PDB file of N, CA and C in Angstrom:
ATOM      1  N   MET A   1      23.654 -22.445  -7.309  1.00  0.00           N
ATOM      2  CA  MET A   1      22.366 -22.294  -6.638  1.00  0.00           C
ATOM      3  C   MET A   1      21.656 -23.648  -6.658  1.00  0.00           C
ATOM      4  N   HIS A   2      21.025 -23.972  -5.572  1.00  0.00           N
ATOM      5  CA  HIS A   2      20.271 -25.216  -5.430  1.00  0.00           C
ATOM      6  C   HIS A   2      19.142 -25.271  -6.467  1.00  0.00           C
ATOM      7  N   GLY A   3      18.887 -26.458  -7.013  1.00  0.00           N
ATOM      8  CA  GLY A   3      17.871 -26.630  -8.047  1.00  0.00           C
ATOM      9  C   GLY A   3      16.471 -26.206  -7.622  1.00  0.00           C
ATOM     10  N   VAL A   4      16.076 -26.526  -6.405  1.00  0.00           N
ATOM     11  CA  VAL A   4      14.742 -26.153  -5.923  1.00  0.00           C
ATOM     12  C   VAL A   4      14.660 -24.638  -5.757  1.00  0.00           C
ATOM     13  N   LYS A   5      15.737 -24.030  -5.325  1.00  0.00           N
ATOM     14  CA  LYS A   5      15.752 -22.573  -5.179  1.00  0.00           C
ATOM     15  C   LYS A   5      15.589 -21.908  -6.547  1.00  0.00           C
ATOM     16  N   ARG A   6      16.280 -22.419  -7.559  1.00  0.00           N
ATOM     17  CA  ARG A   6      16.123 -21.888  -8.928  1.00  0.00           C
ATOM     18  C   ARG A   6      14.682 -22.035  -9.397  1.00  0.00           C
ATOM     19  N   LEU A   7      14.110 -23.209  -9.150  1.00  0.00           N
ATOM     20  CA  LEU A   7      12.726 -23.470  -9.546  1.00  0.00           C
ATOM     21  C   LEU A   7      11.781 -22.470  -8.875  1.00  0.00           C
ATOM     22  N   LEU A   8      11.949 -22.259  -7.591  1.00  0.00           N
ATOM     23  CA  LEU A   8      11.086 -21.317  -6.873  1.00  0.00           C
ATOM     24  C   LEU A   8      11.253 -19.893  -7.392  1.00  0.00           C
ATOM     25  N   TRP A   9      12.490 -19.471  -7.647  1.00  0.00           N
ATOM     26  CA  TRP A   9      12.700 -18.136  -8.209  1.00  0.00           C
ATOM     27  C   TRP A   9      11.944 -17.994  -9.525  1.00  0.00           C
ATOM     28  N   TRP A  10      12.055 -19.013 -10.373  1.00  0.00           N
ATOM     29  CA  TRP A  10      11.393 -18.940 -11.673  1.00  0.00           C
ATOM     30  C   TRP A  10       9.870 -18.926 -11.527  1.00  0.00           C
ATOM     31  N   LEU A  11       9.324 -19.836 -10.714  1.00  0.00           N
ATOM     32  CA  LEU A  11       7.867 -19.934 -10.579  1.00  0.00           C
ATOM     33  C   LEU A  11       7.241 -18.759  -9.837  1.00  0.00           C
ATOM     34  N   LEU A  12       7.982 -18.131  -8.940  1.00  0.00           N
ATOM     35  CA  LEU A  12       7.417 -17.046  -8.135  1.00  0.00           C
ATOM     36  C   LEU A  12       7.764 -15.658  -8.662  1.00  0.00           C
ATOM     37  N   SER A  13       8.880 -15.542  -9.340  1.00  0.00           N
ATOM     38  CA  SER A  13       9.326 -14.212  -9.753  1.00  0.00           C
ATOM     39  C   SER A  13       9.572 -14.089 -11.249  1.00  0.00           C
ATOM     40  N   GLY A  14       9.976 -15.167 -11.873  1.00  0.00           N
ATOM     41  CA  GLY A  14      10.398 -15.089 -13.264  1.00  0.00           C
ATOM     42  C   GLY A  14       9.352 -15.455 -14.286  1.00  0.00           C
ATOM     43  N   SER A  15       8.171 -15.805 -13.854  1.00  0.00           N
ATOM     44  CA  SER A  15       7.135 -16.200 -14.807  1.00  0.00           C
ATOM     45  C   SER A  15       5.814 -15.506 -14.470  1.00  0.00           C
ATOM     46  N   SER A  16       4.974 -15.406 -15.468  1.00  0.00           N
ATOM     47  CA  SER A  16       3.666 -14.770 -15.297  1.00  0.00           C
ATOM     48  C   SER A  16       2.857 -15.517 -14.238  1.00  0.00           C
ATOM     49  N   GLY A  17       2.230 -14.794 -13.348  1.00  0.00           N
ATOM     50  CA  GLY A  17       1.397 -15.401 -12.315  1.00  0.00           C
ATOM     51  C   GLY A  17       2.155 -15.826 -11.077  1.00  0.00           C
ATOM     52  N   GLY A  18       3.435 -15.529 -11.032  1.00  0.00           N
ATOM     53  CA  GLY A  18       4.255 -15.966  -9.911  1.00  0.00           C
ATOM     54  C   GLY A  18       3.788 -15.445  -8.567  1.00  0.00           C
ATOM     55  N   PHE A  19       3.374 -14.189  -8.530  1.00  0.00           N
ATOM     56  CA  PHE A  19       2.918 -13.625  -7.262  1.00  0.00           C
ATOM     57  C   PHE A  19       1.712 -14.396  -6.725  1.00  0.00           C
ATOM     58  N   ASN A  20       0.784 -14.743  -7.613  1.00  0.00           N
ATOM     59  CA  ASN A  20      -0.392 -15.506  -7.171  1.00  0.00           C
ATOM     60  C   ASN A  20      -0.016 -16.913  -6.728  1.00  0.00           C
ATOM     61  N   ARG A  21       0.957 -17.534  -7.394  1.00  0.00           N
ATOM     62  CA  ARG A  21       1.423 -18.847  -6.940  1.00  0.00           C
ATOM     63  C   ARG A  21       2.044 -18.736  -5.547  1.00  0.00           C
ATOM     64  N   GLY A  22       2.773 -17.670  -5.298  1.00  0.00           N
ATOM     65  CA  GLY A  22       3.342 -17.451  -3.972  1.00  0.00           C
ATOM     66  C   GLY A  22       2.267 -17.309  -2.916  1.00  0.00           C
ATOM     67  N   ARG A  23       1.214 -16.589  -3.240  1.00  0.00           N
ATOM     68  CA  ARG A  23       0.108 -16.421  -2.291  1.00  0.00           C
ATOM     69  C   ARG A  23      -0.567 -17.764  -1.990  1.00  0.00           C
ATOM     70  N   ILE A  24      -0.699 -18.593  -3.009  1.00  0.00           N
ATOM     71  CA  ILE A  24      -1.290 -19.925  -2.819  1.00  0.00           C
ATOM     72  C   ILE A  24      -0.397 -20.778  -1.921  1.00  0.00           C
ATOM     73  N   LEU A  25       0.906 -20.780  -2.190  1.00  0.00           N
ATOM     74  CA  LEU A  25       1.820 -21.554  -1.346  1.00  0.00           C
ATOM     75  C   LEU A  25       1.813 -21.039   0.088  1.00  0.00           C
ATOM     76  N   GLU A  26       1.792 -19.730   0.242  1.00  0.00           N
ATOM     77  CA  GLU A  26       1.745 -19.134   1.581  1.00  0.00           C
ATOM     78  C   GLU A  26       0.502 -19.603   2.338  1.00  0.00           C
ATOM     79  N   ALA A  27      -0.636 -19.633   1.653  1.00  0.00           N
ATOM     80  CA  ALA A  27      -1.876 -20.091   2.287  1.00  0.00           C
ATOM     81  C   ALA A  27      -1.780 -21.560   2.679  1.00  0.00           C
ATOM     82  N   LEU A  28      -1.176 -22.373   1.808  1.00  0.00           N
ATOM     83  CA  LEU A  28      -1.081 -23.811   2.095  1.00  0.00           C
ATOM     84  C   LEU A  28      -0.107 -24.137   3.219  1.00  0.00           C
ATOM     85  N   TRP A  29       0.828 -23.226   3.510  1.00  0.00           N
ATOM     86  CA  TRP A  29       1.696 -23.447   4.676  1.00  0.00           C
ATOM     87  C   TRP A  29       0.878 -23.370   5.958  1.00  0.00           C
ATOM     88  N   ALA A  30      -0.144 -22.531   5.959  1.00  0.00           N
ATOM     89  CA  ALA A  30      -0.961 -22.356   7.156  1.00  0.00           C
ATOM     90  C   ALA A  30      -1.898 -23.539   7.387  1.00  0.00           C
ATOM     91  N   GLN A  31      -2.504 -24.031   6.300  1.00  0.00           N
ATOM     92  CA  GLN A  31      -3.432 -25.161   6.414  1.00  0.00           C
ATOM     93  C   GLN A  31      -3.792 -25.661   5.023  1.00  0.00           C
ATOM     94  N   PRO A  32      -4.266 -26.904   4.916  1.00  0.00           N
ATOM     95  CA  PRO A  32      -4.697 -27.416   3.615  1.00  0.00           C
ATOM     96  C   PRO A  32      -6.025 -26.788   3.204  1.00  0.00           C
ATOM     97  N   TYR A  33      -6.198 -26.652   1.905  1.00  0.00           N
ATOM     98  CA  TYR A  33      -7.432 -26.108   1.343  1.00  0.00           C
ATOM     99  C   TYR A  33      -7.805 -26.898   0.095  1.00  0.00           C
ATOM    100  N   ASN A  34      -9.101 -26.868  -0.260  1.00  0.00           N
ATOM    101  CA  ASN A  34      -9.488 -27.325  -1.587  1.00  0.00           C
ATOM    102  C   ASN A  34      -9.442 -26.103  -2.510  1.00  0.00           C
ATOM    103  N   ALA A  35      -9.632 -26.310  -3.802  1.00  0.00           N
ATOM    104  CA  ALA A  35      -9.479 -25.216  -4.764  1.00  0.00           C
ATOM    105  C   ALA A  35     -10.475 -24.088  -4.514  1.00  0.00           C
ATOM    106  N   ASN A  36     -11.697 -24.418  -4.158  1.00  0.00           N
ATOM    107  CA  ASN A  36     -12.705 -23.399  -3.898  1.00  0.00           C
ATOM    108  C   ASN A  36     -12.330 -22.553  -2.681  1.00  0.00           C
ATOM    109  N   GLU A  37     -11.893 -23.210  -1.617  1.00  0.00           N
ATOM    110  CA  GLU A  37     -11.468 -22.487  -0.415  1.00  0.00           C
ATOM    111  C   GLU A  37     -10.256 -21.602  -0.708  1.00  0.00           C
ATOM    112  N   LEU A  38      -9.322 -22.136  -1.503  1.00  0.00           N
ATOM    113  CA  LEU A  38      -8.144 -21.348  -1.873  1.00  0.00           C
ATOM    114  C   LEU A  38      -8.531 -20.105  -2.661  1.00  0.00           C
ATOM    115  N   SER A  39      -9.488 -20.258  -3.582  1.00  0.00           N
ATOM    116  CA  SER A  39      -9.899 -19.103  -4.386  1.00  0.00           C
ATOM    117  C   SER A  39     -10.465 -17.999  -3.501  1.00  0.00           C
ATOM    118  N   LYS A  40     -11.186 -18.377  -2.461  1.00  0.00           N
ATOM    119  CA  LYS A  40     -11.709 -17.388  -1.527  1.00  0.00           C
ATOM    120  C   LYS A  40     -10.593 -16.806  -0.652  1.00  0.00           C
ATOM    121  N   LYS A  41      -9.685 -17.660  -0.209  1.00  0.00           N
ATOM    122  CA  LYS A  41      -8.607 -17.224   0.671  1.00  0.00           C
ATOM    123  C   LYS A  41      -7.692 -16.205  -0.008  1.00  0.00           C
ATOM    124  N   VAL A  42      -7.345 -16.448  -1.263  1.00  0.00           N
ATOM    125  CA  VAL A  42      -6.416 -15.556  -1.973  1.00  0.00           C
ATOM    126  C   VAL A  42      -7.142 -14.574  -2.894  1.00  0.00           C
ATOM    127  N   ASN A  43      -8.470 -14.607  -2.861  1.00  0.00           N
ATOM    128  CA  ASN A  43      -9.302 -13.674  -3.626  1.00  0.00           C
ATOM    129  C   ASN A  43      -8.989 -13.704  -5.121  1.00  0.00           C
ATOM    130  N   LEU A  44      -8.997 -14.922  -5.678  1.00  0.00           N
ATOM    131  CA  LEU A  44      -8.803 -15.121  -7.109  1.00  0.00           C
ATOM    132  C   LEU A  44      -9.928 -15.973  -7.665  1.00  0.00           C
ATOM    133  N   ASP A  45     -10.167 -15.841  -8.939  1.00  0.00           N
ATOM    134  CA  ASP A  45     -11.152 -16.648  -9.640  1.00  0.00           C
ATOM    135  C   ASP A  45     -10.796 -18.137  -9.504  1.00  0.00           C
ATOM    136  N   TYR A  46     -11.797 -18.968  -9.362  1.00  0.00           N
ATOM    137  CA  TYR A  46     -11.601 -20.412  -9.191  1.00  0.00           C
ATOM    138  C   TYR A  46     -10.754 -20.998 -10.314  1.00  0.00           C
ATOM    139  N   LYS A  47     -11.050 -20.626 -11.566  1.00  0.00           N
ATOM    140  CA  LYS A  47     -10.305 -21.172 -12.706  1.00  0.00           C
ATOM    141  C   LYS A  47      -8.846 -20.736 -12.666  1.00  0.00           C
ATOM    142  N   THR A  48      -8.583 -19.540 -12.201  1.00  0.00           N
ATOM    143  CA  THR A  48      -7.209 -19.060 -12.066  1.00  0.00           C
ATOM    144  C   THR A  48      -6.470 -19.888 -11.020  1.00  0.00           C
ATOM    145  N   VAL A  49      -7.120 -20.143  -9.901  1.00  0.00           N
ATOM    146  CA  VAL A  49      -6.523 -20.967  -8.849  1.00  0.00           C
ATOM    147  C   VAL A  49      -6.242 -22.369  -9.372  1.00  0.00           C
ATOM    148  N   ARG A  50      -7.176 -22.947 -10.104  1.00  0.00           N
ATOM    149  CA  ARG A  50      -6.980 -24.291 -10.668  1.00  0.00           C
ATOM    150  C   ARG A  50      -5.754 -24.305 -11.590  1.00  0.00           C
ATOM    151  N   HIS A  51      -5.599 -23.265 -12.393  1.00  0.00           N
ATOM    152  CA  HIS A  51      -4.433 -23.185 -13.273  1.00  0.00           C
ATOM    153  C   HIS A  51      -3.130 -23.190 -12.458  1.00  0.00           C
ATOM    154  N   HIS A  52      -3.066 -22.352 -11.438  1.00  0.00           N
ATOM    155  CA  HIS A  52      -1.860 -22.268 -10.620  1.00  0.00           C
ATOM    156  C   HIS A  52      -1.606 -23.569  -9.854  1.00  0.00           C
ATOM    157  N   ILE A  53      -2.663 -24.221  -9.411  1.00  0.00           N
ATOM    158  CA  ILE A  53      -2.523 -25.523  -8.756  1.00  0.00           C
ATOM    159  C   ILE A  53      -1.875 -26.517  -9.713  1.00  0.00           C
ATOM    160  N   GLN A  54      -2.323 -26.521 -10.965  1.00  0.00           N
ATOM    161  CA  GLN A  54      -1.751 -27.440 -11.953  1.00  0.00           C
ATOM    162  C   GLN A  54      -0.260 -27.160 -12.163  1.00  0.00           C
ATOM    163  N   VAL A  55       0.112 -25.889 -12.242  1.00  0.00           N
ATOM    164  CA  VAL A  55       1.523 -25.521 -12.413  1.00  0.00           C
ATOM    165  C   VAL A  55       2.335 -25.981 -11.211  1.00  0.00           C
ATOM    166  N   LEU A  56       1.821 -25.732 -10.012  1.00  0.00           N
ATOM    167  CA  LEU A  56       2.543 -26.108  -8.792  1.00  0.00           C
ATOM    168  C   LEU A  56       2.647 -27.621  -8.638  1.00  0.00           C
ATOM    169  N   GLU A  57       1.590 -28.347  -8.994  1.00  0.00           N
ATOM    170  CA  GLU A  57       1.659 -29.811  -8.928  1.00  0.00           C
ATOM    171  C   GLU A  57       2.619 -30.360  -9.976  1.00  0.00           C
ATOM    172  N   LYS A  58       2.578 -29.813 -11.179  1.00  0.00           N
ATOM    173  CA  LYS A  58       3.472 -30.260 -12.252  1.00  0.00           C
ATOM    174  C   LYS A  58       4.933 -30.110 -11.835  1.00  0.00           C
ATOM    175  N   ASN A  59       5.223 -29.102 -11.044  1.00  0.00           N
ATOM    176  CA  ASN A  59       6.584 -28.839 -10.595  1.00  0.00           C
ATOM    177  C   ASN A  59       6.868 -29.421  -9.206  1.00  0.00           C
ATOM    178  N   ASN A  60       5.991 -30.312  -8.744  1.00  0.00           N
ATOM    179  CA  ASN A  60       6.170 -31.062  -7.487  1.00  0.00           C
ATOM    180  C   ASN A  60       6.304 -30.175  -6.250  1.00  0.00           C
ATOM    181  N   LEU A  61       5.620 -29.038  -6.246  1.00  0.00           N
ATOM    182  CA  LEU A  61       5.670 -28.161  -5.081  1.00  0.00           C
ATOM    183  C   LEU A  61       4.459 -28.319  -4.175  1.00  0.00           C
ATOM    184  N   ILE A  62       3.369 -28.840  -4.718  1.00  0.00           N
ATOM    185  CA  ILE A  62       2.214 -29.172  -3.890  1.00  0.00           C
ATOM    186  C   ILE A  62       1.745 -30.570  -4.255  1.00  0.00           C
ATOM    187  N   THR A  63       0.990 -31.148  -3.365  1.00  0.00           N
ATOM    188  CA  THR A  63       0.412 -32.468  -3.576  1.00  0.00           C
ATOM    189  C   THR A  63      -1.043 -32.427  -3.117  1.00  0.00           C
ATOM    190  N   HIS A  64      -1.776 -33.452  -3.404  1.00  0.00           N
ATOM    191  CA  HIS A  64      -3.177 -33.476  -2.984  1.00  0.00           C
ATOM    192  C   HIS A  64      -3.545 -34.848  -2.449  1.00  0.00           C
ATOM    193  N   THR A  65      -4.660 -34.858  -1.750  1.00  0.00           N
ATOM    194  CA  THR A  65      -5.264 -36.105  -1.300  1.00  0.00           C
ATOM    195  C   THR A  65      -6.768 -35.963  -1.484  1.00  0.00           C
ATOM    196  N   GLY A  66      -7.431 -37.069  -1.702  1.00  0.00           N
ATOM    197  CA  GLY A  66      -8.867 -37.048  -1.950  1.00  0.00           C
ATOM    198  C   GLY A  66      -9.158 -37.045  -3.438  1.00  0.00           C
ATOM    199  N   SER A  67     -10.443 -36.866  -3.754  1.00  0.00           N
ATOM    200  CA  SER A  67     -10.841 -36.856  -5.160  1.00  0.00           C
ATOM    201  C   SER A  67     -12.021 -35.918  -5.355  1.00  0.00           C
ATOM    202  N   GLY A  68     -12.234 -35.566  -6.617  1.00  0.00           N
ATOM    203  CA  GLY A  68     -13.348 -34.699  -6.968  1.00  0.00           C
ATOM    204  C   GLY A  68     -13.281 -33.359  -6.269  1.00  0.00           C
ATOM    205  N   TYR A  69     -14.453 -32.866  -5.889  1.00  0.00           N
ATOM    206  CA  TYR A  69     -14.547 -31.556  -5.247  1.00  0.00           C
ATOM    207  C   TYR A  69     -13.807 -31.520  -3.917  1.00  0.00           C
ATOM    208  N   GLY A  70     -13.650 -32.672  -3.280  1.00  0.00           N
ATOM    209  CA  GLY A  70     -13.040 -32.735  -1.953  1.00  0.00           C
ATOM    210  C   GLY A  70     -11.523 -32.815  -1.948  1.00  0.00           C
ATOM    211  N   ILE A  71     -10.873 -32.671  -3.096  1.00  0.00           N
ATOM    212  CA  ILE A  71      -9.409 -32.729  -3.123  1.00  0.00           C
ATOM    213  C   ILE A  71      -8.840 -31.621  -2.256  1.00  0.00           C
ATOM    214  N   MET A  72      -7.954 -32.009  -1.355  1.00  0.00           N
ATOM    215  CA  MET A  72      -7.272 -31.049  -0.487  1.00  0.00           C
ATOM    216  C   MET A  72      -5.819 -30.959  -0.914  1.00  0.00           C
ATOM    217  N   TYR A  73      -5.292 -29.736  -0.920  1.00  0.00           N
ATOM    218  CA  TYR A  73      -3.926 -29.487  -1.366  1.00  0.00           C
ATOM    219  C   TYR A  73      -3.021 -29.170  -0.179  1.00  0.00           C
ATOM    220  N   PHE A  74      -1.780 -29.634  -0.283  1.00  0.00           N
ATOM    221  CA  PHE A  74      -0.771 -29.504   0.770  1.00  0.00           C
ATOM    222  C   PHE A  74       0.573 -29.175   0.132  1.00  0.00           C
ATOM    223  N   PRO A  75       1.496 -28.581   0.887  1.00  0.00           N
ATOM    224  CA  PRO A  75       2.876 -28.480   0.391  1.00  0.00           C
ATOM    225  C   PRO A  75       3.431 -29.894   0.184  1.00  0.00           C
ATOM    226  N   SER A  76       4.187 -30.089  -0.873  1.00  0.00           N
ATOM    227  CA  SER A  76       4.770 -31.409  -1.152  1.00  0.00           C
ATOM    228  C   SER A  76       5.942 -31.679  -0.211  1.00  0.00           C
ATOM    229  N   ASP A  77       6.376 -32.926  -0.185  1.00  0.00           N
ATOM    230  CA  ASP A  77       7.560 -33.281   0.600  1.00  0.00           C
ATOM    231  C   ASP A  77       8.774 -32.494   0.112  1.00  0.00           C
ATOM    232  N   LEU A  78       8.895 -32.338  -1.215  1.00  0.00           N
ATOM    233  CA  LEU A  78      10.004 -31.576  -1.776  1.00  0.00           C
ATOM    234  C   LEU A  78      10.009 -30.143  -1.262  1.00  0.00           C
ATOM    235  N   LEU A  79       8.842 -29.510  -1.264  1.00  0.00           N
ATOM    236  CA  LEU A  79       8.759 -28.132  -0.781  1.00  0.00           C
ATOM    237  C   LEU A  79       9.031 -28.057   0.717  1.00  0.00           C
ATOM    238  N   GLU A  80       8.479 -28.998   1.472  1.00  0.00           N
ATOM    239  CA  GLU A  80       8.711 -28.983   2.915  1.00  0.00           C
ATOM    240  C   GLU A  80      10.192 -29.154   3.248  1.00  0.00           C
ATOM    241  N   LYS A  81      10.902 -29.980   2.481  1.00  0.00           N
ATOM    242  CA  LYS A  81      12.337 -30.173   2.710  1.00  0.00           C
ATOM    243  C   LYS A  81      13.136 -28.923   2.360  1.00  0.00           C
ATOM    244  N   ASN A  82      12.553 -28.062   1.532  1.00  0.00           N
ATOM    245  CA  ASN A  82      13.238 -26.851   1.084  1.00  0.00           C
ATOM    246  C   ASN A  82      12.472 -25.595   1.496  1.00  0.00           C
ATOM    247  N   GLU A  83      11.799 -25.702   2.625  1.00  0.00           N
ATOM    248  CA  GLU A  83      10.963 -24.614   3.139  1.00  0.00           C
ATOM    249  C   GLU A  83      11.728 -23.303   3.249  1.00  0.00           C
ATOM    250  N   GLU A  84      12.981 -23.356   3.674  1.00  0.00           N
ATOM    251  CA  GLU A  84      13.758 -22.122   3.854  1.00  0.00           C
ATOM    252  C   GLU A  84      13.911 -21.350   2.548  1.00  0.00           C
ATOM    253  N   PHE A  85      13.994 -22.060   1.417  1.00  0.00           N
ATOM    254  CA  PHE A  85      14.117 -21.373   0.130  1.00  0.00           C
ATOM    255  C   PHE A  85      12.834 -20.600  -0.192  1.00  0.00           C
ATOM    256  N   PHE A  86      11.682 -21.250   0.052  1.00  0.00           N
ATOM    257  CA  PHE A  86      10.421 -20.553  -0.214  1.00  0.00           C
ATOM    258  C   PHE A  86      10.320 -19.298   0.643  1.00  0.00           C
ATOM    259  N   HIS A  87      10.563 -19.434   1.928  1.00  0.00           N
ATOM    260  CA  HIS A  87      10.415 -18.287   2.831  1.00  0.00           C
ATOM    261  C   HIS A  87      11.427 -17.185   2.512  1.00  0.00           C
ATOM    262  N   GLU A  88      12.632 -17.564   2.125  1.00  0.00           N
ATOM    263  CA  GLU A  88      13.640 -16.573   1.739  1.00  0.00           C
ATOM    264  C   GLU A  88      13.190 -15.783   0.512  1.00  0.00           C
ATOM    265  N   ILE A  89      12.750 -16.500  -0.507  1.00  0.00           N
ATOM    266  CA  ILE A  89      12.327 -15.848  -1.756  1.00  0.00           C
ATOM    267  C   ILE A  89      11.045 -15.064  -1.545  1.00  0.00           C
ATOM    268  N   TRP A  90      10.078 -15.667  -0.898  1.00  0.00           N
ATOM    269  CA  TRP A  90       8.788 -14.996  -0.680  1.00  0.00           C
ATOM    270  C   TRP A  90       8.964 -13.775   0.221  1.00  0.00           C
ATOM    271  N   GLY A  91       9.879 -13.859   1.165  1.00  0.00           N
ATOM    272  CA  GLY A  91      10.176 -12.710   2.021  1.00  0.00           C
ATOM    273  C   GLY A  91      10.706 -11.524   1.228  1.00  0.00           C
ATOM    274  N   LYS A  92      11.406 -11.799   0.142  1.00  0.00           N
ATOM    275  CA  LYS A  92      11.948 -10.743  -0.701  1.00  0.00           C
ATOM    276  C   LYS A  92      10.930 -10.185  -1.681  1.00  0.00           C
ATOM    277  N   ILE A  93      10.157 -11.050  -2.290  1.00  0.00           N
ATOM    278  CA  ILE A  93       9.258 -10.579  -3.352  1.00  0.00           C
ATOM    279  C   ILE A  93       7.808 -10.423  -2.914  1.00  0.00           C
ATOM    280  N   GLY A  94       7.359 -11.209  -1.953  1.00  0.00           N
ATOM    281  CA  GLY A  94       5.966 -11.164  -1.535  1.00  0.00           C
ATOM    282  C   GLY A  94       5.596  -9.879  -0.839  1.00  0.00           C
ATOM    283  N   LYS A  95       6.489  -9.354  -0.038  1.00  0.00           N
ATOM    284  CA  LYS A  95       6.205  -8.125   0.723  1.00  0.00           C
ATOM    285  C   LYS A  95       6.193  -6.902  -0.180  1.00  0.00           C
ATOM    286  N   LYS A  96       6.927  -6.942  -1.268  1.00  0.00           N
ATOM    287  CA  LYS A  96       6.980  -5.807  -2.179  1.00  0.00           C
ATOM    288  C   LYS A  96       5.652  -5.554  -2.876  1.00  0.00           C
ATOM    289  N   LYS A  97       4.883  -6.628  -3.101  1.00  0.00           N
ATOM    290  CA  LYS A  97       3.666  -6.511  -3.890  1.00  0.00           C
ATOM    291  C   LYS A  97       2.404  -6.451  -3.060  1.00  0.00           C
ATOM    292  N   LYS A  98       2.525  -6.668  -1.766  1.00  0.00           N
ATOM    293  CA  LYS A  98       1.314  -6.688  -0.925  1.00  0.00           C
ATOM    294  C   LYS A  98       0.798  -5.296  -0.694  1.00  0.00           C
TER     295      LYS A  98
END
């Protein structure tokens, strides 16, 4: 199995909070958001969103531009190159929990 695919399985399905990380990634595919906008979009507490952002950035799945309150988040180059893995995994697990 491809390394990025394993990483996505673990972060989205095999670890606590995976479903919420999937929702955040799904939102970022549509458009960039700052943390406050993301919290409203996915209906989660701001601090929870910040935690998931840190996990996703640590694992090189999202990136940001800007600073302070205006930081905008985007899918990383690594995630964009492996977009099919995200959609495959999210298609299997995301629909089950919605």
